[in-house]
Amino acid sequence: MTDPTQSPTHPLAFLAAFGAGGLLSLMVLFNGTLAQYGSLLFSSWVPHATGTVAALIALAILRPGRTSKVRPPLWSYAGGLSGAVTVMATSYALNTPLALSGTLAIGLAGQMVFSLIADARGLFGLRQRMPGARDMAALALIVTGSLVLIFLGGAA
């Protein structure tokens, strides 16, 4: 049952999330290819340097204003560090028998587990929300689907 205090999710949010998933797949493929020809550090450095240049160009062109006068919490700046480690981990996993689909399937399961823990504990300023039966069923389906994909889908 949906929380009556929340407004319904705009369909564009679903489209954005779906598109981001497709872009994530491309990113993992590109970074894994860089790792194959260089190293895990190289596969992390190149996209972060490219992203920095792209962001600086976008900032120069768009000149966005701050949406809040309050500074973000210090821990929120660690996204780049977790991004660098994520790139190296997926670049490594991509170049194993897991391949792209297995890497992303297991990655999705890891995202789901961490997200449920973060929701339940109210980590990083999130509104605390205890996982329900639907959350656990979704997690079970994702993990089961990942295992089927890896062990029965030719990835192992």
Protein backbone atom coordinates (compact mmCIF):
# COMPACT_ATOMS: atom_id res chain seq x y z
CA MET A 1 0.00 0.00 0.00
CA THR A 2 1.32 3.45 -0.88
CA ASP A 3 2.00 6.07 1.73
CA PRO A 4 -0.87 8.59 1.52
CA THR A 5 1.48 11.43 2.53
CA GLN A 6 3.48 11.02 -0.67
CA SER A 7 2.37 12.34 -4.03
CA PRO A 8 2.37 9.86 -6.93
CA THR A 9 5.63 9.51 -8.82
CA HIS A 10 5.67 11.44 -12.06
CA PRO A 11 5.98 9.16 -15.14
CA LEU A 12 9.05 11.15 -16.23
CA ALA A 13 10.83 9.92 -13.09
CA PHE A 14 10.30 6.31 -14.21
CA LEU A 15 11.60 7.16 -17.69
CA ALA A 16 14.63 8.95 -16.22
CA ALA A 17 15.44 5.99 -13.96
CA PHE A 18 15.05 3.52 -16.84
CA GLY A 19 17.26 5.66 -19.08
CA ALA A 20 19.86 5.97 -16.33
CA GLY A 21 19.93 2.17 -16.09
CA GLY A 22 20.67 1.94 -19.81
CA LEU A 23 23.40 4.55 -19.50
CA LEU A 24 24.84 2.67 -16.52
CA SER A 25 25.12 -0.42 -18.72
CA LEU A 26 26.99 1.58 -21.36
CA MET A 27 29.25 3.10 -18.70
CA VAL A 28 30.16 -0.31 -17.30
CA LEU A 29 30.88 -1.61 -20.80
CA PHE A 30 33.04 1.39 -21.72
CA ASN A 31 34.96 1.33 -18.43
CA GLY A 32 35.47 -2.43 -18.60
CA THR A 33 36.90 -2.05 -22.09
CA LEU A 34 39.30 0.62 -20.79
CA ALA A 35 40.38 -1.76 -18.01
CA GLN A 36 41.02 -4.51 -20.54
CA TYR A 37 43.46 -2.27 -22.40
CA GLY A 38 44.90 -0.46 -19.38
CA SER A 39 44.29 -1.03 -15.70
CA LEU A 40 41.52 -0.67 -13.14
CA LEU A 41 42.91 2.72 -12.09
CA PHE A 42 43.02 3.85 -15.72
CA SER A 43 39.44 2.68 -16.24
CA SER A 44 38.39 4.83 -13.29
CA TRP A 45 40.53 7.87 -14.04
CA VAL A 46 39.44 8.36 -17.66
CA PRO A 47 35.66 8.57 -17.07
CA HIS A 48 36.10 10.76 -13.99
CA ALA A 49 38.40 13.15 -15.86
CA THR A 50 36.02 13.19 -18.82
CA GLY A 51 33.07 13.76 -16.51
CA THR A 52 34.88 16.62 -14.78
CA VAL A 53 35.56 18.35 -18.10
CA ALA A 54 31.95 17.81 -19.23
CA ALA A 55 30.62 19.17 -15.92
CA LEU A 56 32.86 22.24 -16.10
CA ILE A 57 31.66 22.96 -19.64
CA ALA A 58 28.02 22.50 -18.59
CA LEU A 59 28.54 24.79 -15.58
CA ALA A 60 30.14 27.44 -17.79
CA ILE A 61 27.30 27.30 -20.32
CA LEU A 62 24.29 26.86 -18.01
CA ARG A 63 25.53 28.86 -14.99
CA PRO A 64 23.04 27.24 -12.59
CA GLY A 65 22.34 28.98 -9.31
CA ARG A 66 22.41 27.30 -5.93
CA THR A 67 19.06 25.83 -4.95
CA SER A 68 19.79 26.23 -1.25
CA LYS A 69 21.86 28.56 0.89
CA VAL A 70 22.54 25.71 3.31
CA ARG A 71 25.72 23.77 2.66
CA PRO A 72 25.39 20.02 2.01
CA PRO A 73 26.70 17.63 4.67
CA LEU A 74 30.40 16.83 4.37
CA TRP A 75 29.75 13.10 3.73
CA SER A 76 27.83 13.95 0.53
CA TYR A 77 31.11 14.84 -1.18
CA ALA A 78 32.21 11.18 -0.96
CA GLY A 79 30.15 10.31 -4.05
CA GLY A 80 33.23 10.64 -6.24
CA LEU A 81 35.16 8.19 -4.08
CA SER A 82 32.37 5.60 -4.14
CA GLY A 83 32.04 6.23 -7.88
CA ALA A 84 35.73 5.55 -8.44
CA VAL A 85 35.58 2.30 -6.48
CA THR A 86 32.37 1.32 -8.31
CA VAL A 87 34.01 1.87 -11.69
CA MET A 88 37.01 -0.25 -10.73
CA ALA A 89 34.86 -3.05 -9.27
CA THR A 90 32.53 -3.22 -12.27
CA SER A 91 35.46 -2.96 -14.70
CA TYR A 92 37.03 -5.95 -13.01
CA ALA A 93 33.82 -8.00 -12.85
CA LEU A 94 32.92 -7.23 -16.49
CA ASN A 95 36.13 -8.90 -17.64
CA THR A 96 35.28 -12.18 -15.91
CA PRO A 97 32.77 -14.85 -16.93
CA LEU A 98 30.04 -12.70 -15.29
CA ALA A 99 30.21 -10.45 -18.38
CA LEU A 100 28.02 -7.33 -18.61
CA SER A 101 24.68 -8.91 -17.73
CA GLY A 102 25.98 -10.82 -14.71
CA THR A 103 27.93 -7.81 -13.42
CA LEU A 104 24.86 -5.59 -13.63
CA ALA A 105 22.53 -8.25 -12.18
CA ILE A 106 24.70 -8.77 -9.11
CA GLY A 107 25.23 -5.01 -8.89
CA LEU A 108 21.46 -4.48 -8.86
CA ALA A 109 21.11 -7.00 -6.04
CA GLY A 110 23.81 -5.14 -4.08
CA GLN A 111 22.04 -1.81 -4.68
CA MET A 112 18.76 -3.26 -3.48
CA VAL A 113 20.27 -4.73 -0.28
CA PHE A 114 22.08 -1.49 0.58
CA SER A 115 18.99 0.59 -0.23
CA LEU A 116 16.75 -1.48 2.03
CA ILE A 117 19.28 -1.19 4.87
CA ALA A 118 19.62 2.59 4.29
CA ASP A 119 15.82 2.99 4.30
CA ALA A 120 15.38 0.87 7.42
CA ARG A 121 18.09 2.72 9.34
CA GLY A 122 17.34 6.18 7.94
CA LEU A 123 20.97 6.48 6.84
CA PHE A 124 22.35 9.69 5.33
CA GLY A 125 19.32 11.76 6.24
CA LEU A 126 16.77 9.49 4.56
CA ARG A 127 13.31 9.24 6.02
CA GLN A 128 13.30 5.97 7.97
CA ARG A 129 11.08 3.37 6.32
CA MET A 130 10.98 -0.24 7.36
CA PRO A 131 11.01 -2.69 4.45
CA GLY A 132 7.76 -4.54 4.01
CA ALA A 133 6.75 -7.83 2.45
CA ARG A 134 6.76 -6.29 -1.06
CA ASP A 135 10.32 -5.07 -0.56
CA MET A 136 11.47 -8.51 0.55
CA ALA A 137 9.62 -10.17 -2.34
CA ALA A 138 11.26 -7.74 -4.79
CA LEU A 139 14.67 -8.47 -3.28
CA ALA A 140 14.08 -12.23 -3.51
CA LEU A 141 13.03 -11.91 -7.16
CA ILE A 142 16.06 -9.77 -8.03
CA VAL A 143 18.50 -12.13 -6.32
CA THR A 144 16.82 -15.19 -7.84
CA GLY A 145 16.80 -13.59 -11.29
CA SER A 146 20.47 -12.67 -10.93
CA LEU A 147 21.38 -16.23 -9.97
CA VAL A 148 19.36 -17.64 -12.89
CA LEU A 149 21.03 -15.22 -15.28
CA ILE A 150 24.51 -16.10 -14.02
CA PHE A 151 24.26 -19.84 -13.49
CA LEU A 152 21.72 -20.79 -16.14
CA GLY A 153 22.23 -18.01 -18.67
CA GLY A 154 25.68 -18.97 -19.87
CA ALA A 155 27.60 -16.38 -17.77
CA ALA A 156 29.30 -18.95 -15.49
